[in-house]
Each structure stands twice: as structure tokens, then as C-alpha cells.
Amino acid sequence: MRSSKAEKEKRNSLAGIPAVLTIGFMEFLEAFLLYRKVRSGRVIQTRLSSGQPAAFFLQCLREFMFPAFLLIIFALILKRDFFSGMYMTIKGKWQKITAGLLMAVILAFTAYGLAVKPDRVSILLSLFYYLVIVAFGEEFVIRDACTCFLREFPWPLRYLVPNFIFALLHVFSYSGWGRISSRILLDFLLNGVLGYVFGGCLLQLLKEKSVLSGFPCLCTAWRIIRSFLNTETALVLKIPIKELNQCLLNMKF
């Protein structure tokens, strides 16, 4: 009985790798199609969304179709264990405090943006897009669905595979949604990938340890405010290699 159960668990764990690779392929294909639309000018930018709110909302829903599909599948499979299995529960004093602080920061950023920018509709639509479609969509697909398939694997594989996929998805934004030259691609492979993998693994660690599960939303909220205040918008979690190496050299173990 025990051997048959162990064999079943082994088969389920082996099935996790092709499942994760399939999810990664679908996400990369979706990102590539979005890149093609951006290049051809067929995407409504968040700054201009107030002029076409209905069309922008439908555009967001189309982008969220695959995460929504996975969300429904996991909800049907896990049922009562869905929220706990997908790190969507808030337990304990410190988690409640953390969640409250994150919500307060996001609301403060939003209120500040509404106060300083005349186009309030685009700010609210952008908040919906970046927090729900981008932040929640990425978090659920990469660090919930993919890691769920890899739970029976050693932690290096469970951390590196999903977050390597996460890194590859950002090759288009790394180029500024412009032409991806060989120089940009080489710079992304040598510098950008490590930054995204490192940042993604850190976020996954925070989620699994239930310390700061809403950290991606905080990063995204900061990105929104920087963008709407017309300041220099940095890529979230793009960590320069020189600064990272210097930081590691200065650390005392």
C-alpha cells in the first residue's frame, strides 16, 4: 500500500516538469504576442486608457485569460485547500500587520497620484492593470501554479525553474518593447537574467515563509507612482550585477 502510494507521488512529481514547461511556453507565447502588438501600435497604453476605458478593460481581460484559466483549474482541484495552497491566507499577528501596512502604502501612493495628476481615470485603470493583471497574474502563474507542480522536488529546482521562466518573460520589457538587437539580448542574458532570477527567488522565499507575501504588489505600486509622476521608471527587480557583486563582497558571514 505504501509502495503504491509512493509510486503515485513519484509519477505526480515527474508530471510536474512538463506541466511547468507547458505553462512557461504559454506565458512566453502570450508575452511575445503582446510584444508584437506593442510594436505595431495595437495596444492601448495605460497613460491613454482614460480615452478608451471599455476597450482598455477588454484588453486587460484578454491578457488575463491564461492566468484566469489556471486559477479556475486550481480552484476546482484544490477546493477547500485552494487559498492555503496558493499562499492567499493571512494568519497571525505579523501577517495581518504586514498586509495592513502594504495596503496602507498602496492606498497612500494611489491617493498621492490622484492628487497630483489631472487624469484620475487612467491612474485608477493603471492601478487595476498593474496590481491585478500584471502583479497578481505573474505571481499566481509563476510562484503559485508552477511551484505547486514542483513541491516534491528539491528546493533549488523548485526555486530556479519557475524564476528562470519569470526572467525570460521580461526580455521584451528589458528592451523597452523596442527592437531586440544582439547587444540587448546578450546584455539581458549576462546581466538581466541573474537579476530577475535573484529577485524572483527572493519573492518566492518571502511567500513560502509567509513573511511578506504582498511584496510584489508593493513593488508594482511604487512603479505606478514613479511612472505617473514622470520620473525615471526602473524595471522592477532588475538588479545591476556590479552592485550585486559589491554587496556580496561586503557581506560578512
C-alpha atoms as a PDB file:
ATOM      1  CA  MET A   1       0.000   0.000   0.000  1.00  0.00           C
ATOM      2  CA  ARG A   2       2.792   2.366   0.940  1.00  0.00           C
ATOM      3  CA  SER A   3       4.821   1.481  -2.148  1.00  0.00           C
ATOM      4  CA  SER A   4       1.868   2.129  -4.457  1.00  0.00           C
ATOM      5  CA  LYS A   5       1.283   5.486  -2.768  1.00  0.00           C
ATOM      6  CA  ALA A   6       4.971   6.366  -3.141  1.00  0.00           C
ATOM      7  CA  GLU A   7       4.899   5.376  -6.820  1.00  0.00           C
ATOM      8  CA  LYS A   8       1.821   7.538  -7.359  1.00  0.00           C
ATOM      9  CA  GLU A   9       3.531  10.514  -5.721  1.00  0.00           C
ATOM     10  CA  LYS A  10       6.620   9.903  -7.864  1.00  0.00           C
ATOM     11  CA  ARG A  11       4.527   9.847 -11.050  1.00  0.00           C
ATOM     12  CA  ASN A  12       2.759  13.041 -10.000  1.00  0.00           C
ATOM     13  CA  SER A  13       6.078  14.751  -9.297  1.00  0.00           C
ATOM     14  CA  LEU A  14       7.518  13.698 -12.660  1.00  0.00           C
ATOM     15  CA  ALA A  15       4.427  15.077 -14.376  1.00  0.00           C
ATOM     16  CA  GLY A  16       5.188  18.426 -12.764  1.00  0.00           C
ATOM     17  CA  ILE A  17       8.145  19.195 -15.040  1.00  0.00           C
ATOM     18  CA  PRO A  18       6.261  19.006 -18.370  1.00  0.00           C
ATOM     19  CA  ALA A  19       3.374  20.905 -16.749  1.00  0.00           C
ATOM     20  CA  VAL A  20       5.689  23.737 -15.707  1.00  0.00           C
ATOM     21  CA  LEU A  21       7.399  23.798 -19.122  1.00  0.00           C
ATOM     22  CA  THR A  22       3.985  23.970 -20.800  1.00  0.00           C
ATOM     23  CA  ILE A  23       2.942  26.861 -18.574  1.00  0.00           C
ATOM     24  CA  GLY A  24       6.229  28.613 -19.310  1.00  0.00           C
ATOM     25  CA  PHE A  25       5.761  28.157 -23.059  1.00  0.00           C
ATOM     26  CA  MET A  26       2.201  29.526 -22.918  1.00  0.00           C
ATOM     27  CA  GLU A  27       3.299  32.536 -20.867  1.00  0.00           C
ATOM     28  CA  PHE A  28       6.228  33.264 -23.204  1.00  0.00           C
ATOM     29  CA  LEU A  29       3.945  32.961 -26.236  1.00  0.00           C
ATOM     30  CA  GLU A  30       1.497  35.388 -24.645  1.00  0.00           C
ATOM     31  CA  ALA A  31       4.331  37.824 -23.855  1.00  0.00           C
ATOM     32  CA  PHE A  32       5.631  37.538 -27.434  1.00  0.00           C
ATOM     33  CA  LEU A  33       2.173  38.263 -28.897  1.00  0.00           C
ATOM     34  CA  LEU A  34       1.853  41.280 -26.603  1.00  0.00           C
ATOM     35  CA  TYR A  35       5.291  42.434 -27.769  1.00  0.00           C
ATOM     36  CA  ARG A  36       4.186  42.166 -31.401  1.00  0.00           C
ATOM     37  CA  LYS A  37       1.060  44.211 -30.655  1.00  0.00           C
ATOM     38  CA  VAL A  38       3.055  46.879 -28.825  1.00  0.00           C
ATOM     39  CA  ARG A  39       5.499  47.124 -31.721  1.00  0.00           C
ATOM     40  CA  SER A  40       2.647  47.529 -34.204  1.00  0.00           C
ATOM     41  CA  GLY A  41       0.878  50.139 -32.062  1.00  0.00           C
ATOM     42  CA  ARG A  42      -2.200  47.986 -31.405  1.00  0.00           C
ATOM     43  CA  VAL A  43      -2.013  48.206 -27.603  1.00  0.00           C
ATOM     44  CA  ILE A  44      -3.735  50.929 -25.598  1.00  0.00           C
ATOM     45  CA  GLN A  45      -1.152  52.421 -23.250  1.00  0.00           C
ATOM     46  CA  THR A  46      -2.072  52.911 -19.609  1.00  0.00           C
ATOM     47  CA  ARG A  47      -1.401  56.648 -19.880  1.00  0.00           C
ATOM     48  CA  LEU A  48      -4.009  56.901 -22.650  1.00  0.00           C
ATOM     49  CA  SER A  49      -6.521  54.476 -21.156  1.00  0.00           C
ATOM     50  CA  SER A  50      -8.926  57.172 -19.938  1.00  0.00           C
ATOM     51  CA  GLY A  51      -9.876  57.930 -23.537  1.00  0.00           C
ATOM     52  CA  GLN A  52     -10.932  54.317 -24.180  1.00  0.00           C
ATOM     53  CA  PRO A  53     -11.756  52.793 -20.767  1.00  0.00           C
ATOM     54  CA  ALA A  54     -14.008  49.990 -22.093  1.00  0.00           C
ATOM     55  CA  ALA A  55     -11.509  48.933 -24.782  1.00  0.00           C
ATOM     56  CA  PHE A  56      -8.659  49.079 -22.263  1.00  0.00           C
ATOM     57  CA  PHE A  57     -10.615  46.932 -19.803  1.00  0.00           C
ATOM     58  CA  LEU A  58     -11.288  44.313 -22.505  1.00  0.00           C
ATOM     59  CA  GLN A  59      -7.586  44.401 -23.409  1.00  0.00           C
ATOM     60  CA  CYS A  60      -6.763  43.657 -19.765  1.00  0.00           C
ATOM     61  CA  LEU A  61      -9.208  40.752 -19.673  1.00  0.00           C
ATOM     62  CA  ARG A  62      -7.682  39.214 -22.812  1.00  0.00           C
ATOM     63  CA  GLU A  63      -4.230  39.446 -21.237  1.00  0.00           C
ATOM     64  CA  PHE A  64      -5.520  37.789 -18.060  1.00  0.00           C
ATOM     65  CA  MET A  65      -7.211  34.828 -19.815  1.00  0.00           C
ATOM     66  CA  PHE A  66      -4.442  32.280 -19.206  1.00  0.00           C
ATOM     67  CA  PRO A  67      -3.917  33.159 -15.514  1.00  0.00           C
ATOM     68  CA  ALA A  68      -7.700  33.074 -15.075  1.00  0.00           C
ATOM     69  CA  PHE A  69      -7.821  29.630 -16.703  1.00  0.00           C
ATOM     70  CA  LEU A  70      -5.174  28.301 -14.299  1.00  0.00           C
ATOM     71  CA  LEU A  71      -6.932  29.995 -11.390  1.00  0.00           C
ATOM     72  CA  ILE A  72     -10.169  28.143 -12.172  1.00  0.00           C
ATOM     73  CA  ILE A  73      -8.385  24.805 -12.693  1.00  0.00           C
ATOM     74  CA  PHE A  74      -6.529  25.014  -9.372  1.00  0.00           C
ATOM     75  CA  ALA A  75      -9.664  26.171  -7.564  1.00  0.00           C
ATOM     76  CA  LEU A  76     -11.551  23.109  -8.858  1.00  0.00           C
ATOM     77  CA  ILE A  77      -8.711  20.717  -7.992  1.00  0.00           C
ATOM     78  CA  LEU A  78      -7.705  22.041  -4.577  1.00  0.00           C
ATOM     79  CA  LYS A  79     -11.211  23.125  -3.491  1.00  0.00           C
ATOM     80  CA  ARG A  80     -11.052  23.963   0.234  1.00  0.00           C
ATOM     81  CA  ASP A  81      -7.253  23.912   0.218  1.00  0.00           C
ATOM     82  CA  PHE A  82      -7.048  26.447  -2.610  1.00  0.00           C
ATOM     83  CA  PHE A  83      -6.343  29.574  -0.552  1.00  0.00           C
ATOM     84  CA  SER A  84      -3.842  27.932   1.784  1.00  0.00           C
ATOM     85  CA  GLY A  85      -2.126  26.068  -1.070  1.00  0.00           C
ATOM     86  CA  MET A  86      -1.817  29.263  -3.123  1.00  0.00           C
ATOM     87  CA  TYR A  87      -0.478  31.409  -0.233  1.00  0.00           C
ATOM     88  CA  MET A  88      -3.644  33.522  -0.106  1.00  0.00           C
ATOM     89  CA  THR A  89      -4.368  33.266   3.600  1.00  0.00           C
ATOM     90  CA  ILE A  90      -3.449  35.767   6.296  1.00  0.00           C
ATOM     91  CA  LYS A  91      -2.634  34.141   9.620  1.00  0.00           C
ATOM     92  CA  GLY A  92      -1.068  35.517  12.760  1.00  0.00           C
ATOM     93  CA  LYS A  93      -0.406  38.972  14.102  1.00  0.00           C
ATOM     94  CA  TRP A  94       2.610  39.853  11.954  1.00  0.00           C
ATOM     95  CA  GLN A  95       0.999  38.760   8.685  1.00  0.00           C
ATOM     96  CA  LYS A  96      -2.023  40.952   9.461  1.00  0.00           C
ATOM     97  CA  ILE A  97       0.235  43.876  10.316  1.00  0.00           C
ATOM     98  CA  THR A  98       2.249  43.354   7.124  1.00  0.00           C
ATOM     99  CA  ALA A  99      -0.882  43.120   4.969  1.00  0.00           C
ATOM    100  CA  GLY A 100      -2.281  46.251   6.604  1.00  0.00           C
ATOM    101  CA  LEU A 101       0.934  48.213   6.042  1.00  0.00           C
ATOM    102  CA  LEU A 102       1.128  47.142   2.402  1.00  0.00           C
ATOM    103  CA  MET A 103      -2.475  48.148   1.775  1.00  0.00           C
ATOM    104  CA  ALA A 104      -1.846  51.488   3.503  1.00  0.00           C
ATOM    105  CA  VAL A 105       1.223  52.144   1.326  1.00  0.00           C
ATOM    106  CA  ILE A 106      -0.640  51.242  -1.871  1.00  0.00           C
ATOM    107  CA  LEU A 107      -3.606  53.434  -0.896  1.00  0.00           C
ATOM    108  CA  ALA A 108      -1.241  56.294   0.003  1.00  0.00           C
ATOM    109  CA  PHE A 109       0.548  56.006  -3.351  1.00  0.00           C
ATOM    110  CA  THR A 110      -2.795  55.952  -5.137  1.00  0.00           C
ATOM    111  CA  ALA A 111      -4.141  58.957  -3.227  1.00  0.00           C
ATOM    112  CA  TYR A 112      -0.951  60.909  -3.958  1.00  0.00           C
ATOM    113  CA  GLY A 113      -1.182  60.070  -7.658  1.00  0.00           C
ATOM    114  CA  LEU A 114      -4.839  61.140  -7.757  1.00  0.00           C
ATOM    115  CA  ALA A 115      -3.917  64.418  -6.072  1.00  0.00           C
ATOM    116  CA  VAL A 116      -1.026  65.412  -8.345  1.00  0.00           C
ATOM    117  CA  LYS A 117      -2.246  64.142 -11.734  1.00  0.00           C
ATOM    118  CA  PRO A 118      -5.320  65.521 -13.521  1.00  0.00           C
ATOM    119  CA  ASP A 119      -6.046  62.290 -15.416  1.00  0.00           C
ATOM    120  CA  ARG A 120      -7.500  60.326 -12.487  1.00  0.00           C
ATOM    121  CA  VAL A 121      -9.284  57.735 -14.637  1.00  0.00           C
ATOM    122  CA  SER A 122      -6.017  56.493 -16.188  1.00  0.00           C
ATOM    123  CA  ILE A 123      -4.463  56.262 -12.707  1.00  0.00           C
ATOM    124  CA  LEU A 124      -7.263  54.013 -11.450  1.00  0.00           C
ATOM    125  CA  LEU A 125      -7.186  51.900 -14.605  1.00  0.00           C
ATOM    126  CA  SER A 126      -3.404  51.592 -14.328  1.00  0.00           C
ATOM    127  CA  LEU A 127      -3.724  50.560 -10.695  1.00  0.00           C
ATOM    128  CA  PHE A 128      -6.107  47.793 -11.760  1.00  0.00           C
ATOM    129  CA  TYR A 129      -3.828  46.743 -14.614  1.00  0.00           C
ATOM    130  CA  TYR A 130      -0.529  46.639 -12.719  1.00  0.00           C
ATOM    131  CA  LEU A 131      -1.838  45.185  -9.457  1.00  0.00           C
ATOM    132  CA  VAL A 132      -4.348  42.640 -10.776  1.00  0.00           C
ATOM    133  CA  ILE A 133      -3.379  41.797 -14.359  1.00  0.00           C
ATOM    134  CA  VAL A 134       0.417  42.107 -14.036  1.00  0.00           C
ATOM    135  CA  ALA A 135       1.379  41.592 -10.369  1.00  0.00           C
ATOM    136  CA  PHE A 136      -1.266  39.075  -9.332  1.00  0.00           C
ATOM    137  CA  GLY A 137      -1.210  37.336 -12.719  1.00  0.00           C
ATOM    138  CA  GLU A 138       2.565  36.847 -12.679  1.00  0.00           C
ATOM    139  CA  GLU A 139       2.656  35.858  -9.023  1.00  0.00           C
ATOM    140  CA  PHE A 140      -0.064  33.264  -9.403  1.00  0.00           C
ATOM    141  CA  VAL A 141       1.270  31.677 -12.594  1.00  0.00           C
ATOM    142  CA  ILE A 142       4.980  31.662 -11.702  1.00  0.00           C
ATOM    143  CA  ARG A 143       5.192  31.420  -7.920  1.00  0.00           C
ATOM    144  CA  ASP A 144       1.917  29.648  -7.195  1.00  0.00           C
ATOM    145  CA  ALA A 145       0.957  27.354 -10.077  1.00  0.00           C
ATOM    146  CA  CYS A 146       4.494  26.422 -11.191  1.00  0.00           C
ATOM    147  CA  THR A 147       5.839  25.922  -7.663  1.00  0.00           C
ATOM    148  CA  CYS A 148       2.786  23.824  -6.813  1.00  0.00           C
ATOM    149  CA  PHE A 149       3.758  21.365  -9.565  1.00  0.00           C
ATOM    150  CA  LEU A 150       7.329  21.265  -8.214  1.00  0.00           C
ATOM    151  CA  ARG A 151       6.629  20.859  -4.499  1.00  0.00           C
ATOM    152  CA  GLU A 152       8.036  17.325  -4.403  1.00  0.00           C
ATOM    153  CA  PHE A 153      11.333  18.420  -5.994  1.00  0.00           C
ATOM    154  CA  PRO A 154      14.441  19.687  -4.167  1.00  0.00           C
ATOM    155  CA  TRP A 155      14.306  23.396  -3.332  1.00  0.00           C
ATOM    156  CA  PRO A 156      16.975  24.509  -5.885  1.00  0.00           C
ATOM    157  CA  LEU A 157      14.878  23.119  -8.726  1.00  0.00           C
ATOM    158  CA  ARG A 158      11.642  24.430  -7.203  1.00  0.00           C
ATOM    159  CA  TYR A 159      13.114  27.918  -6.972  1.00  0.00           C
ATOM    160  CA  LEU A 160      15.250  28.187 -10.102  1.00  0.00           C
ATOM    161  CA  VAL A 161      12.975  26.698 -12.791  1.00  0.00           C
ATOM    162  CA  PRO A 162       9.905  28.945 -12.249  1.00  0.00           C
ATOM    163  CA  ASN A 163      12.002  32.054 -11.729  1.00  0.00           C
ATOM    164  CA  PHE A 164      14.129  31.353 -14.809  1.00  0.00           C
ATOM    165  CA  ILE A 165      10.843  31.306 -16.730  1.00  0.00           C
ATOM    166  CA  PHE A 166       9.945  34.537 -14.933  1.00  0.00           C
ATOM    167  CA  ALA A 167      13.222  36.053 -16.152  1.00  0.00           C
ATOM    168  CA  LEU A 168      12.717  35.013 -19.783  1.00  0.00           C
ATOM    169  CA  LEU A 169       9.254  36.611 -19.817  1.00  0.00           C
ATOM    170  CA  HIS A 170      10.900  40.001 -19.234  1.00  0.00           C
ATOM    171  CA  VAL A 171      13.182  40.004 -22.260  1.00  0.00           C
ATOM    172  CA  PHE A 172      10.660  42.165 -24.156  1.00  0.00           C
ATOM    173  CA  SER A 173      10.265  44.789 -21.423  1.00  0.00           C
ATOM    174  CA  TYR A 174      14.059  44.715 -20.900  1.00  0.00           C
ATOM    175  CA  SER A 175      14.427  46.039 -24.443  1.00  0.00           C
ATOM    176  CA  GLY A 176      11.906  48.788 -23.722  1.00  0.00           C
ATOM    177  CA  TRP A 177       9.449  46.987 -26.036  1.00  0.00           C
ATOM    178  CA  GLY A 178      11.653  48.011 -28.930  1.00  0.00           C
ATOM    179  CA  ARG A 179      13.813  46.055 -31.338  1.00  0.00           C
ATOM    180  CA  ILE A 180      15.748  43.273 -29.589  1.00  0.00           C
ATOM    181  CA  SER A 181      19.226  43.567 -31.024  1.00  0.00           C
ATOM    182  CA  SER A 182      22.022  41.073 -30.410  1.00  0.00           C
ATOM    183  CA  ARG A 183      23.639  43.547 -27.981  1.00  0.00           C
ATOM    184  CA  ILE A 184      20.441  43.886 -25.925  1.00  0.00           C
ATOM    185  CA  LEU A 185      19.896  40.130 -25.942  1.00  0.00           C
ATOM    186  CA  LEU A 186      23.478  39.468 -24.802  1.00  0.00           C
ATOM    187  CA  ASP A 187      23.182  42.083 -22.048  1.00  0.00           C
ATOM    188  CA  PHE A 188      19.901  40.523 -20.928  1.00  0.00           C
ATOM    189  CA  LEU A 189      21.384  37.013 -20.805  1.00  0.00           C
ATOM    190  CA  LEU A 190      24.522  38.127 -18.959  1.00  0.00           C
ATOM    191  CA  ASN A 191      23.006  40.708 -16.614  1.00  0.00           C
ATOM    192  CA  GLY A 192      19.225  40.845 -16.664  1.00  0.00           C
ATOM    193  CA  VAL A 193      18.501  37.149 -16.208  1.00  0.00           C
ATOM    194  CA  LEU A 194      20.508  36.927 -12.985  1.00  0.00           C
ATOM    195  CA  GLY A 195      18.727  39.957 -11.574  1.00  0.00           C
ATOM    196  CA  TYR A 196      15.264  38.622 -12.343  1.00  0.00           C
ATOM    197  CA  VAL A 197      16.081  35.121 -11.073  1.00  0.00           C
ATOM    198  CA  PHE A 198      17.588  36.514  -7.874  1.00  0.00           C
ATOM    199  CA  GLY A 199      14.634  38.839  -7.294  1.00  0.00           C
ATOM    200  CA  GLY A 200      12.099  36.144  -8.136  1.00  0.00           C
ATOM    201  CA  CYS A 201      13.697  33.634  -5.759  1.00  0.00           C
ATOM    202  CA  LEU A 202      13.664  36.253  -3.010  1.00  0.00           C
ATOM    203  CA  LEU A 203       9.953  36.895  -3.556  1.00  0.00           C
ATOM    204  CA  GLN A 204       9.247  33.173  -3.543  1.00  0.00           C
ATOM    205  CA  LEU A 205      11.169  32.734  -0.300  1.00  0.00           C
ATOM    206  CA  LEU A 206       9.166  35.530   1.299  1.00  0.00           C
ATOM    207  CA  LYS A 207       5.925  33.929   0.149  1.00  0.00           C
ATOM    208  CA  GLU A 208       6.807  30.429   1.317  1.00  0.00           C
ATOM    209  CA  LYS A 209       7.961  31.697   4.711  1.00  0.00           C
ATOM    210  CA  SER A 210       4.779  33.793   4.975  1.00  0.00           C
ATOM    211  CA  VAL A 211       6.737  36.887   5.867  1.00  0.00           C
ATOM    212  CA  LEU A 212       5.813  39.333   3.122  1.00  0.00           C
ATOM    213  CA  SER A 213       3.536  37.694   0.562  1.00  0.00           C
ATOM    214  CA  GLY A 214       2.333  41.063  -0.801  1.00  0.00           C
ATOM    215  CA  PHE A 215       5.813  42.379  -1.610  1.00  0.00           C
ATOM    216  CA  PRO A 216       5.310  42.177  -5.416  1.00  0.00           C
ATOM    217  CA  CYS A 217       2.261  44.414  -5.118  1.00  0.00           C
ATOM    218  CA  LEU A 218       4.320  46.943  -3.167  1.00  0.00           C
ATOM    219  CA  CYS A 219       6.987  46.965  -5.913  1.00  0.00           C
ATOM    220  CA  THR A 220       4.326  47.378  -8.568  1.00  0.00           C
ATOM    221  CA  ALA A 221       2.606  50.197  -6.666  1.00  0.00           C
ATOM    222  CA  TRP A 222       5.923  52.054  -6.478  1.00  0.00           C
ATOM    223  CA  ARG A 223       6.422  51.509 -10.213  1.00  0.00           C
ATOM    224  CA  ILE A 224       2.983  53.009 -10.915  1.00  0.00           C
ATOM    225  CA  ILE A 225       3.622  56.145  -8.891  1.00  0.00           C
ATOM    226  CA  ARG A 226       7.076  56.667 -10.415  1.00  0.00           C
ATOM    227  CA  SER A 227       5.557  56.293 -13.873  1.00  0.00           C
ATOM    228  CA  PHE A 228       2.696  58.709 -13.318  1.00  0.00           C
ATOM    229  CA  LEU A 229       4.895  61.326 -11.687  1.00  0.00           C
ATOM    230  CA  ASN A 230       7.003  61.303 -14.886  1.00  0.00           C
ATOM    231  CA  THR A 231      10.129  60.177 -13.070  1.00  0.00           C
ATOM    232  CA  GLU A 232      12.581  57.616 -14.346  1.00  0.00           C
ATOM    233  CA  THR A 233      10.774  54.288 -14.366  1.00  0.00           C
ATOM    234  CA  ALA A 234      13.098  51.443 -13.425  1.00  0.00           C
ATOM    235  CA  LEU A 235      12.442  47.809 -14.252  1.00  0.00           C
ATOM    236  CA  VAL A 236      11.156  46.079 -11.139  1.00  0.00           C
ATOM    237  CA  LEU A 237      13.748  43.688  -9.692  1.00  0.00           C
ATOM    238  CA  LYS A 238      16.378  44.439 -12.354  1.00  0.00           C
ATOM    239  CA  ILE A 239      19.462  44.226 -10.142  1.00  0.00           C
ATOM    240  CA  PRO A 240      22.752  45.570 -11.602  1.00  0.00           C
ATOM    241  CA  ILE A 241      25.430  42.889 -11.496  1.00  0.00           C
ATOM    242  CA  LYS A 242      28.266  45.203 -10.358  1.00  0.00           C
ATOM    243  CA  GLU A 243      26.259  46.478  -7.382  1.00  0.00           C
ATOM    244  CA  LEU A 244      25.154  42.941  -6.537  1.00  0.00           C
ATOM    245  CA  ASN A 245      28.723  41.622  -6.590  1.00  0.00           C
ATOM    246  CA  GLN A 246      29.955  44.525  -4.453  1.00  0.00           C
ATOM    247  CA  CYS A 247      27.131  43.901  -1.977  1.00  0.00           C
ATOM    248  CA  LEU A 248      28.061  40.213  -1.715  1.00  0.00           C
ATOM    249  CA  LEU A 249      31.741  41.058  -1.236  1.00  0.00           C
ATOM    250  CA  ASN A 250      30.912  43.431   1.612  1.00  0.00           C
ATOM    251  CA  MET A 251      28.761  40.885   3.446  1.00  0.00           C
ATOM    252  CA  LYS A 252      30.298  39.220   6.497  1.00  0.00           C
ATOM    253  CA  PHE A 253      29.323  35.595   7.030  1.00  0.00           C
END
